[in-house]
Amino acid sequence: MSDILPFEKPRRRSRPVRVADAIKDWVVEQRLSAGDRLPGETEMIERFGMSKGTIREAMRILEAQGLIETRTGPGGGSFVKEPSAERARALLGNYFYFKTLTIADIYALRRALEPDLAASLAGRLDAEALEGLREIVDSYARPAASMEEERDQHVASLAFHARLAAHAENPLLGFMIGFMAQILSDLTVDRRLYTPPNPELWERGRGYQMRLLEALRDGDAETARATMRAHMETAQTLMMDQEAEVLSRFMAE
């Protein structure tokens, strides 16, 4: 008997969902861009051969997905909309809301992706981009003096990686790294992974980021790659220790 399990039979999708997909395909075929007006309801009914109720539900689905927007008043109607990266990350984050993500899960991907991102950006960032990254690092130039500041420094440190990801030439790579920075930031706050204060995490993390900035400025791809790899490995170890500390404290309580 074969050990290969058959593919799960896909569920039958509702008619409004199928129409919503057909509208998306039509938008692509027509090469419509964000801001372009969509046909009115009557034309949609004729074009797709569906009832008014089905068309309206399909449009509501597309609006919920952030792919169209409806404006009222003079000049109103339905228009193509490009979802923001923030909205896309929020929707994807909903999928993982009920998953038991661990620090190890997240860093498995960070270790695989972020060193290559760093190497690809060496020598390619202009002075403004480098200055923006440096300003983030400067925002936690000293150890936190309070628990609130400790939390903010953790979040800012992850914002450094999200900002770096925003410069990626590969949009999928940039999105995934930005998403991981966001989800790790949310976990840090939700699980209070910034307590107790971790001076070693602050010192070593900031040191790696400073060396990374130098390699990016100098166009040294291999040093950028090696520095980011060491940064990810060290951060994973220290964050997992932090996670274990929080869990042990929770169990004791």
C-alpha atoms as a PDB file:
ATOM      1  CA  MET A   1       0.000   0.000   0.000  1.00  0.00           C
ATOM      2  CA  SER A   2       1.305   3.447  -0.837  1.00  0.00           C
ATOM      3  CA  ASP A   3       2.330   5.686   2.041  1.00  0.00           C
ATOM      4  CA  ILE A   4       1.325   8.745   0.045  1.00  0.00           C
ATOM      5  CA  LEU A   5      -1.930  10.192   1.250  1.00  0.00           C
ATOM      6  CA  PRO A   6      -4.361  11.491  -1.375  1.00  0.00           C
ATOM      7  CA  PHE A   7      -4.800  15.245  -1.649  1.00  0.00           C
ATOM      8  CA  GLU A   8      -7.655  16.572   0.385  1.00  0.00           C
ATOM      9  CA  LYS A   9     -10.654  17.213  -1.802  1.00  0.00           C
ATOM     10  CA  PRO A  10     -11.187  20.968  -2.022  1.00  0.00           C
ATOM     11  CA  ARG A  11     -14.399  22.331  -0.604  1.00  0.00           C
ATOM     12  CA  ARG A  12     -16.938  23.644  -3.037  1.00  0.00           C
ATOM     13  CA  ARG A  13     -16.725  27.423  -2.947  1.00  0.00           C
ATOM     14  CA  SER A  14     -19.834  29.571  -2.757  1.00  0.00           C
ATOM     15  CA  ARG A  15     -21.079  31.402  -5.834  1.00  0.00           C
ATOM     16  CA  PRO A  16     -20.149  34.896  -4.503  1.00  0.00           C
ATOM     17  CA  VAL A  17     -16.576  33.696  -3.829  1.00  0.00           C
ATOM     18  CA  ARG A  18     -16.302  32.318  -7.374  1.00  0.00           C
ATOM     19  CA  VAL A  19     -17.641  35.593  -8.795  1.00  0.00           C
ATOM     20  CA  ALA A  20     -15.200  37.600  -6.651  1.00  0.00           C
ATOM     21  CA  ASP A  21     -12.361  35.543  -8.156  1.00  0.00           C
ATOM     22  CA  ALA A  22     -13.761  36.116 -11.654  1.00  0.00           C
ATOM     23  CA  ILE A  23     -13.837  39.868 -11.038  1.00  0.00           C
ATOM     24  CA  LYS A  24     -10.195  39.770  -9.882  1.00  0.00           C
ATOM     25  CA  ASP A  25      -9.231  37.856 -13.037  1.00  0.00           C
ATOM     26  CA  TRP A  26     -11.098  40.396 -15.157  1.00  0.00           C
ATOM     27  CA  VAL A  27      -9.311  43.308 -13.453  1.00  0.00           C
ATOM     28  CA  VAL A  28      -5.955  41.676 -14.270  1.00  0.00           C
ATOM     29  CA  GLU A  29      -6.978  40.962 -17.863  1.00  0.00           C
ATOM     30  CA  GLN A  30      -8.050  44.592 -18.315  1.00  0.00           C
ATOM     31  CA  ARG A  31      -4.794  45.762 -16.718  1.00  0.00           C
ATOM     32  CA  LEU A  32      -6.626  48.015 -14.316  1.00  0.00           C
ATOM     33  CA  SER A  33      -4.565  49.777 -11.662  1.00  0.00           C
ATOM     34  CA  ALA A  34      -5.242  51.138  -8.192  1.00  0.00           C
ATOM     35  CA  GLY A  35      -7.707  54.023  -8.474  1.00  0.00           C
ATOM     36  CA  ASP A  36      -9.344  52.824 -11.701  1.00  0.00           C
ATOM     37  CA  ARG A  37     -13.134  52.753 -11.656  1.00  0.00           C
ATOM     38  CA  LEU A  38     -14.951  49.427 -11.884  1.00  0.00           C
ATOM     39  CA  PRO A  39     -18.110  48.998 -13.971  1.00  0.00           C
ATOM     40  CA  GLY A  40     -21.403  49.787 -12.293  1.00  0.00           C
ATOM     41  CA  GLU A  41     -23.647  47.153 -10.779  1.00  0.00           C
ATOM     42  CA  THR A  42     -25.884  46.788 -13.853  1.00  0.00           C
ATOM     43  CA  GLU A  43     -22.899  46.168 -16.138  1.00  0.00           C
ATOM     44  CA  MET A  44     -21.435  43.698 -13.613  1.00  0.00           C
ATOM     45  CA  ILE A  45     -24.706  41.740 -13.601  1.00  0.00           C
ATOM     46  CA  GLU A  46     -24.673  41.539 -17.393  1.00  0.00           C
ATOM     47  CA  ARG A  47     -20.943  40.802 -17.677  1.00  0.00           C
ATOM     48  CA  PHE A  48     -20.877  37.946 -15.176  1.00  0.00           C
ATOM     49  CA  GLY A  49     -24.441  36.704 -15.661  1.00  0.00           C
ATOM     50  CA  MET A  50     -25.245  36.753 -11.960  1.00  0.00           C
ATOM     51  CA  SER A  51     -27.997  38.165  -9.801  1.00  0.00           C
ATOM     52  CA  LYS A  52     -27.782  41.525  -8.066  1.00  0.00           C
ATOM     53  CA  GLY A  53     -27.435  39.822  -4.674  1.00  0.00           C
ATOM     54  CA  THR A  54     -24.533  37.640  -5.841  1.00  0.00           C
ATOM     55  CA  ILE A  55     -22.693  40.606  -7.388  1.00  0.00           C
ATOM     56  CA  ARG A  56     -23.164  42.686  -4.250  1.00  0.00           C
ATOM     57  CA  GLU A  57     -21.863  39.888  -2.024  1.00  0.00           C
ATOM     58  CA  ALA A  58     -18.868  39.350  -4.324  1.00  0.00           C
ATOM     59  CA  MET A  59     -18.062  43.059  -4.114  1.00  0.00           C
ATOM     60  CA  ARG A  60     -18.320  42.939  -0.322  1.00  0.00           C
ATOM     61  CA  ILE A  61     -15.830  40.062  -0.326  1.00  0.00           C
ATOM     62  CA  LEU A  62     -13.384  42.045  -2.457  1.00  0.00           C
ATOM     63  CA  GLU A  63     -13.814  45.094  -0.236  1.00  0.00           C
ATOM     64  CA  ALA A  64     -13.116  42.991   2.879  1.00  0.00           C
ATOM     65  CA  GLN A  65      -9.958  41.723   1.164  1.00  0.00           C
ATOM     66  CA  GLY A  66      -8.873  45.314   0.606  1.00  0.00           C
ATOM     67  CA  LEU A  67      -8.953  44.954  -3.195  1.00  0.00           C
ATOM     68  CA  ILE A  68     -11.654  47.495  -3.900  1.00  0.00           C
ATOM     69  CA  GLU A  69     -13.040  50.560  -2.193  1.00  0.00           C
ATOM     70  CA  THR A  70     -16.463  52.134  -2.480  1.00  0.00           C
ATOM     71  CA  ARG A  71     -16.912  55.896  -2.541  1.00  0.00           C
ATOM     72  CA  THR A  72     -20.225  57.668  -2.120  1.00  0.00           C
ATOM     73  CA  GLY A  73     -21.421  61.010  -3.382  1.00  0.00           C
ATOM     74  CA  PRO A  74     -20.612  62.719  -6.696  1.00  0.00           C
ATOM     75  CA  GLY A  75     -18.006  60.758  -8.613  1.00  0.00           C
ATOM     76  CA  GLY A  76     -18.594  57.782  -6.349  1.00  0.00           C
ATOM     77  CA  GLY A  77     -18.595  54.103  -7.218  1.00  0.00           C
ATOM     78  CA  SER A  78     -16.306  51.125  -6.811  1.00  0.00           C
ATOM     79  CA  PHE A  79     -12.589  51.490  -7.494  1.00  0.00           C
ATOM     80  CA  VAL A  80      -9.598  49.154  -7.656  1.00  0.00           C
ATOM     81  CA  LYS A  81      -7.491  49.371  -4.506  1.00  0.00           C
ATOM     82  CA  GLU A  82      -4.020  48.049  -3.793  1.00  0.00           C
ATOM     83  CA  PRO A  83      -3.857  46.492  -0.304  1.00  0.00           C
ATOM     84  CA  SER A  84      -1.159  47.979   1.902  1.00  0.00           C
ATOM     85  CA  ALA A  85       1.630  45.784   3.265  1.00  0.00           C
ATOM     86  CA  GLU A  86       0.314  46.533   6.763  1.00  0.00           C
ATOM     87  CA  ARG A  87      -3.135  45.211   5.889  1.00  0.00           C
ATOM     88  CA  ALA A  88      -1.685  42.126   4.197  1.00  0.00           C
ATOM     89  CA  ARG A  89       0.458  41.388   7.266  1.00  0.00           C
ATOM     90  CA  ALA A  90      -2.559  41.847   9.534  1.00  0.00           C
ATOM     91  CA  LEU A  91      -4.629  39.400   7.475  1.00  0.00           C
ATOM     92  CA  LEU A  92      -1.814  36.854   7.441  1.00  0.00           C
ATOM     93  CA  GLY A  93      -1.318  37.386  11.164  1.00  0.00           C
ATOM     94  CA  ASN A  94      -4.947  36.335  11.709  1.00  0.00           C
ATOM     95  CA  TYR A  95      -4.085  32.917  10.280  1.00  0.00           C
ATOM     96  CA  PHE A  96      -1.340  32.443  12.865  1.00  0.00           C
ATOM     97  CA  TYR A  97      -3.406  33.828  15.744  1.00  0.00           C
ATOM     98  CA  PHE A  98      -4.516  30.360  16.831  1.00  0.00           C
ATOM     99  CA  LYS A  99      -1.204  28.683  16.023  1.00  0.00           C
ATOM    100  CA  THR A 100       1.305  28.026  18.787  1.00  0.00           C
ATOM    101  CA  LEU A 101       4.232  29.868  17.281  1.00  0.00           C
ATOM    102  CA  THR A 102       7.525  29.671  19.128  1.00  0.00           C
ATOM    103  CA  ILE A 103      10.635  31.807  19.001  1.00  0.00           C
ATOM    104  CA  ALA A 104      12.401  28.854  17.351  1.00  0.00           C
ATOM    105  CA  ASP A 105       9.744  28.721  14.601  1.00  0.00           C
ATOM    106  CA  ILE A 106      10.250  32.364  13.727  1.00  0.00           C
ATOM    107  CA  TYR A 107      14.023  32.337  13.902  1.00  0.00           C
ATOM    108  CA  ALA A 108      14.247  29.263  11.685  1.00  0.00           C
ATOM    109  CA  LEU A 109      13.007  31.515   8.872  1.00  0.00           C
ATOM    110  CA  ARG A 110      14.887  34.610   9.994  1.00  0.00           C
ATOM    111  CA  ARG A 111      18.193  32.710   9.927  1.00  0.00           C
ATOM    112  CA  ALA A 112      17.414  31.457   6.425  1.00  0.00           C
ATOM    113  CA  LEU A 113      16.312  34.769   4.917  1.00  0.00           C
ATOM    114  CA  GLU A 114      17.840  37.766   6.647  1.00  0.00           C
ATOM    115  CA  PRO A 115      21.541  37.061   5.967  1.00  0.00           C
ATOM    116  CA  ASP A 116      20.816  36.962   2.221  1.00  0.00           C
ATOM    117  CA  LEU A 117      18.815  40.174   2.463  1.00  0.00           C
ATOM    118  CA  ALA A 118      21.705  41.909   4.224  1.00  0.00           C
ATOM    119  CA  ALA A 119      24.194  40.732   1.592  1.00  0.00           C
ATOM    120  CA  SER A 120      21.935  41.856  -1.258  1.00  0.00           C
ATOM    121  CA  LEU A 121      21.680  45.389   0.157  1.00  0.00           C
ATOM    122  CA  ALA A 122      25.406  45.942   0.775  1.00  0.00           C
ATOM    123  CA  GLY A 123      26.485  49.026  -1.153  1.00  0.00           C
ATOM    124  CA  ARG A 124      22.985  49.569  -2.546  1.00  0.00           C
ATOM    125  CA  LEU A 125      21.447  51.814   0.117  1.00  0.00           C
ATOM    126  CA  ASP A 126      21.711  55.564  -0.314  1.00  0.00           C
ATOM    127  CA  ALA A 127      22.698  57.985   2.447  1.00  0.00           C
ATOM    128  CA  GLU A 128      19.071  58.693   3.358  1.00  0.00           C
ATOM    129  CA  ALA A 129      18.248  54.994   3.799  1.00  0.00           C
ATOM    130  CA  LEU A 130      21.362  54.389   5.905  1.00  0.00           C
ATOM    131  CA  GLU A 131      20.580  57.430   8.030  1.00  0.00           C
ATOM    132  CA  GLY A 132      17.045  56.165   8.630  1.00  0.00           C
ATOM    133  CA  LEU A 133      18.413  52.855   9.882  1.00  0.00           C
ATOM    134  CA  ARG A 134      21.009  54.607  12.025  1.00  0.00           C
ATOM    135  CA  GLU A 135      18.334  56.759  13.653  1.00  0.00           C
ATOM    136  CA  ILE A 136      16.490  53.633  14.767  1.00  0.00           C
ATOM    137  CA  VAL A 137      19.654  52.183  16.331  1.00  0.00           C
ATOM    138  CA  ASP A 138      20.377  55.530  18.018  1.00  0.00           C
ATOM    139  CA  SER A 139      16.919  55.433  19.629  1.00  0.00           C
ATOM    140  CA  TYR A 140      18.206  52.712  21.973  1.00  0.00           C
ATOM    141  CA  ALA A 141      21.749  53.965  22.422  1.00  0.00           C
ATOM    142  CA  ARG A 142      21.556  53.375  26.187  1.00  0.00           C
ATOM    143  CA  PRO A 143      20.105  50.512  28.260  1.00  0.00           C
ATOM    144  CA  ALA A 144      16.474  50.970  29.224  1.00  0.00           C
ATOM    145  CA  ALA A 145      15.798  52.779  32.481  1.00  0.00           C
ATOM    146  CA  SER A 146      12.263  51.416  32.918  1.00  0.00           C
ATOM    147  CA  MET A 147      10.163  48.417  31.947  1.00  0.00           C
ATOM    148  CA  GLU A 148       8.185  50.549  29.496  1.00  0.00           C
ATOM    149  CA  GLU A 149      11.396  51.722  27.863  1.00  0.00           C
ATOM    150  CA  GLU A 150      12.637  48.127  27.752  1.00  0.00           C
ATOM    151  CA  ARG A 151       9.516  47.127  25.824  1.00  0.00           C
ATOM    152  CA  ASP A 152       9.854  50.061  23.436  1.00  0.00           C
ATOM    153  CA  GLN A 153      13.513  49.217  22.764  1.00  0.00           C
ATOM    154  CA  HIS A 154      12.642  45.624  21.879  1.00  0.00           C
ATOM    155  CA  VAL A 155       9.992  46.843  19.441  1.00  0.00           C
ATOM    156  CA  ALA A 156      12.331  49.471  17.953  1.00  0.00           C
ATOM    157  CA  SER A 157      15.067  46.880  17.461  1.00  0.00           C
ATOM    158  CA  LEU A 158      12.654  44.773  15.410  1.00  0.00           C
ATOM    159  CA  ALA A 159      11.578  47.891  13.500  1.00  0.00           C
ATOM    160  CA  PHE A 160      15.201  48.131  12.314  1.00  0.00           C
ATOM    161  CA  HIS A 161      14.779  44.788  10.546  1.00  0.00           C
ATOM    162  CA  ALA A 162      11.392  45.769   9.118  1.00  0.00           C
ATOM    163  CA  ARG A 163      12.914  48.973   7.736  1.00  0.00           C
ATOM    164  CA  LEU A 164      15.777  46.997   6.205  1.00  0.00           C
ATOM    165  CA  ALA A 165      13.270  44.604   4.627  1.00  0.00           C
ATOM    166  CA  ALA A 166      11.417  47.537   3.063  1.00  0.00           C
ATOM    167  CA  HIS A 167      14.484  48.160   0.883  1.00  0.00           C
ATOM    168  CA  ALA A 168      14.534  44.615  -0.542  1.00  0.00           C
ATOM    169  CA  GLU A 169      14.456  44.386  -4.328  1.00  0.00           C
ATOM    170  CA  ASN A 170      12.578  41.090  -4.026  1.00  0.00           C
ATOM    171  CA  PRO A 171       9.104  42.134  -2.781  1.00  0.00           C
ATOM    172  CA  LEU A 172       8.265  38.653  -1.471  1.00  0.00           C
ATOM    173  CA  LEU A 173      11.491  38.470   0.524  1.00  0.00           C
ATOM    174  CA  GLY A 174      10.900  41.941   1.937  1.00  0.00           C
ATOM    175  CA  PHE A 175       7.304  41.148   2.844  1.00  0.00           C
ATOM    176  CA  MET A 176       8.161  37.904   4.623  1.00  0.00           C
ATOM    177  CA  ILE A 177      10.958  39.455   6.686  1.00  0.00           C
ATOM    178  CA  GLY A 178       8.768  42.437   7.547  1.00  0.00           C
ATOM    179  CA  PHE A 179       5.975  40.065   8.554  1.00  0.00           C
ATOM    180  CA  MET A 180       8.286  38.083  10.832  1.00  0.00           C
ATOM    181  CA  ALA A 181       9.509  41.288  12.476  1.00  0.00           C
ATOM    182  CA  GLN A 182       5.906  42.327  13.080  1.00  0.00           C
ATOM    183  CA  ILE A 183       4.762  38.991  14.467  1.00  0.00           C
ATOM    184  CA  LEU A 184       7.829  38.759  16.718  1.00  0.00           C
ATOM    185  CA  SER A 185       7.138  42.284  17.939  1.00  0.00           C
ATOM    186  CA  ASP A 186       3.548  41.308  18.750  1.00  0.00           C
ATOM    187  CA  LEU A 187       4.708  38.171  20.589  1.00  0.00           C
ATOM    188  CA  THR A 188       7.255  40.187  22.547  1.00  0.00           C
ATOM    189  CA  VAL A 189       4.556  42.547  23.797  1.00  0.00           C
ATOM    190  CA  ASP A 190       1.780  39.965  24.275  1.00  0.00           C
ATOM    191  CA  ARG A 191       4.003  37.490  26.136  1.00  0.00           C
ATOM    192  CA  ARG A 192       5.969  40.211  27.930  1.00  0.00           C
ATOM    193  CA  LEU A 193       9.246  38.859  26.599  1.00  0.00           C
ATOM    194  CA  TYR A 194      10.888  42.132  27.553  1.00  0.00           C
ATOM    195  CA  THR A 195      10.750  41.147  31.231  1.00  0.00           C
ATOM    196  CA  PRO A 196      13.022  40.819  33.035  1.00  0.00           C
ATOM    197  CA  PRO A 197      15.375  43.334  31.340  1.00  0.00           C
ATOM    198  CA  ASN A 198      18.083  41.619  29.294  1.00  0.00           C
ATOM    199  CA  PRO A 199      21.166  43.870  29.045  1.00  0.00           C
ATOM    200  CA  GLU A 200      23.059  41.226  27.064  1.00  0.00           C
ATOM    201  CA  LEU A 201      20.373  41.108  24.388  1.00  0.00           C
ATOM    202  CA  TRP A 202      20.454  44.906  24.114  1.00  0.00           C
ATOM    203  CA  GLU A 203      24.248  45.161  24.021  1.00  0.00           C
ATOM    204  CA  ARG A 204      24.938  42.346  21.596  1.00  0.00           C
ATOM    205  CA  GLY A 205      21.984  43.094  19.341  1.00  0.00           C
ATOM    206  CA  ARG A 206      22.871  46.753  19.007  1.00  0.00           C
ATOM    207  CA  GLY A 207      26.524  45.872  18.399  1.00  0.00           C
ATOM    208  CA  TYR A 208      25.579  43.574  15.525  1.00  0.00           C
ATOM    209  CA  GLN A 209      23.350  46.237  14.021  1.00  0.00           C
ATOM    210  CA  MET A 210      26.115  48.857  14.181  1.00  0.00           C
ATOM    211  CA  ARG A 211      28.568  46.493  12.454  1.00  0.00           C
ATOM    212  CA  LEU A 212      25.921  45.637   9.893  1.00  0.00           C
ATOM    213  CA  LEU A 213      25.429  49.310   9.063  1.00  0.00           C
ATOM    214  CA  GLU A 214      29.154  49.668   8.453  1.00  0.00           C
ATOM    215  CA  ALA A 215      29.174  46.669   6.103  1.00  0.00           C
ATOM    216  CA  LEU A 216      26.127  47.987   4.236  1.00  0.00           C
ATOM    217  CA  ARG A 217      27.745  51.404   3.828  1.00  0.00           C
ATOM    218  CA  ASP A 218      31.066  49.893   2.697  1.00  0.00           C
ATOM    219  CA  GLY A 219      29.424  47.519   0.229  1.00  0.00           C
ATOM    220  CA  ASP A 220      30.899  44.473   2.001  1.00  0.00           C
ATOM    221  CA  ALA A 221      28.314  41.794   1.183  1.00  0.00           C
ATOM    222  CA  GLU A 222      30.061  38.873   2.886  1.00  0.00           C
ATOM    223  CA  THR A 223      30.586  40.769   6.137  1.00  0.00           C
ATOM    224  CA  ALA A 224      26.958  41.905   6.022  1.00  0.00           C
ATOM    225  CA  ARG A 225      25.845  38.287   5.543  1.00  0.00           C
ATOM    226  CA  ALA A 226      28.074  36.929   8.316  1.00  0.00           C
ATOM    227  CA  THR A 227      27.097  39.712  10.723  1.00  0.00           C
ATOM    228  CA  MET A 228      23.387  39.175  10.170  1.00  0.00           C
ATOM    229  CA  ARG A 229      23.777  35.416  10.540  1.00  0.00           C
ATOM    230  CA  ALA A 230      25.586  35.828  13.869  1.00  0.00           C
ATOM    231  CA  HIS A 231      22.980  38.388  14.935  1.00  0.00           C
ATOM    232  CA  MET A 232      20.121  35.972  14.230  1.00  0.00           C
ATOM    233  CA  GLU A 233      21.807  33.055  16.001  1.00  0.00           C
ATOM    234  CA  THR A 234      22.605  35.114  19.087  1.00  0.00           C
ATOM    235  CA  ALA A 235      19.167  36.746  19.172  1.00  0.00           C
ATOM    236  CA  GLN A 236      17.453  33.353  18.936  1.00  0.00           C
ATOM    237  CA  THR A 237      19.428  31.966  21.865  1.00  0.00           C
ATOM    238  CA  LEU A 238      18.804  34.983  24.049  1.00  0.00           C
ATOM    239  CA  MET A 239      15.128  35.279  23.105  1.00  0.00           C
ATOM    240  CA  MET A 240      14.516  31.585  23.782  1.00  0.00           C
ATOM    241  CA  ASP A 241      16.128  32.025  27.190  1.00  0.00           C
ATOM    242  CA  GLN A 242      13.823  34.988  27.738  1.00  0.00           C
ATOM    243  CA  GLU A 243      10.821  32.932  26.678  1.00  0.00           C
ATOM    244  CA  ALA A 244      11.804  30.143  29.076  1.00  0.00           C
ATOM    245  CA  GLU A 245      12.225  32.666  31.904  1.00  0.00           C
ATOM    246  CA  VAL A 246       8.759  34.101  31.313  1.00  0.00           C
ATOM    247  CA  LEU A 247       7.241  30.616  31.191  1.00  0.00           C
ATOM    248  CA  SER A 248       8.931  29.502  34.419  1.00  0.00           C
ATOM    249  CA  ARG A 249       7.772  32.684  36.149  1.00  0.00           C
ATOM    250  CA  PHE A 250       4.225  32.098  34.907  1.00  0.00           C
ATOM    251  CA  MET A 251       4.238  28.502  36.165  1.00  0.00           C
ATOM    252  CA  ALA A 252       5.550  29.627  39.562  1.00  0.00           C
ATOM    253  CA  GLU A 253       2.712  32.128  39.877  1.00  0.00           C
END
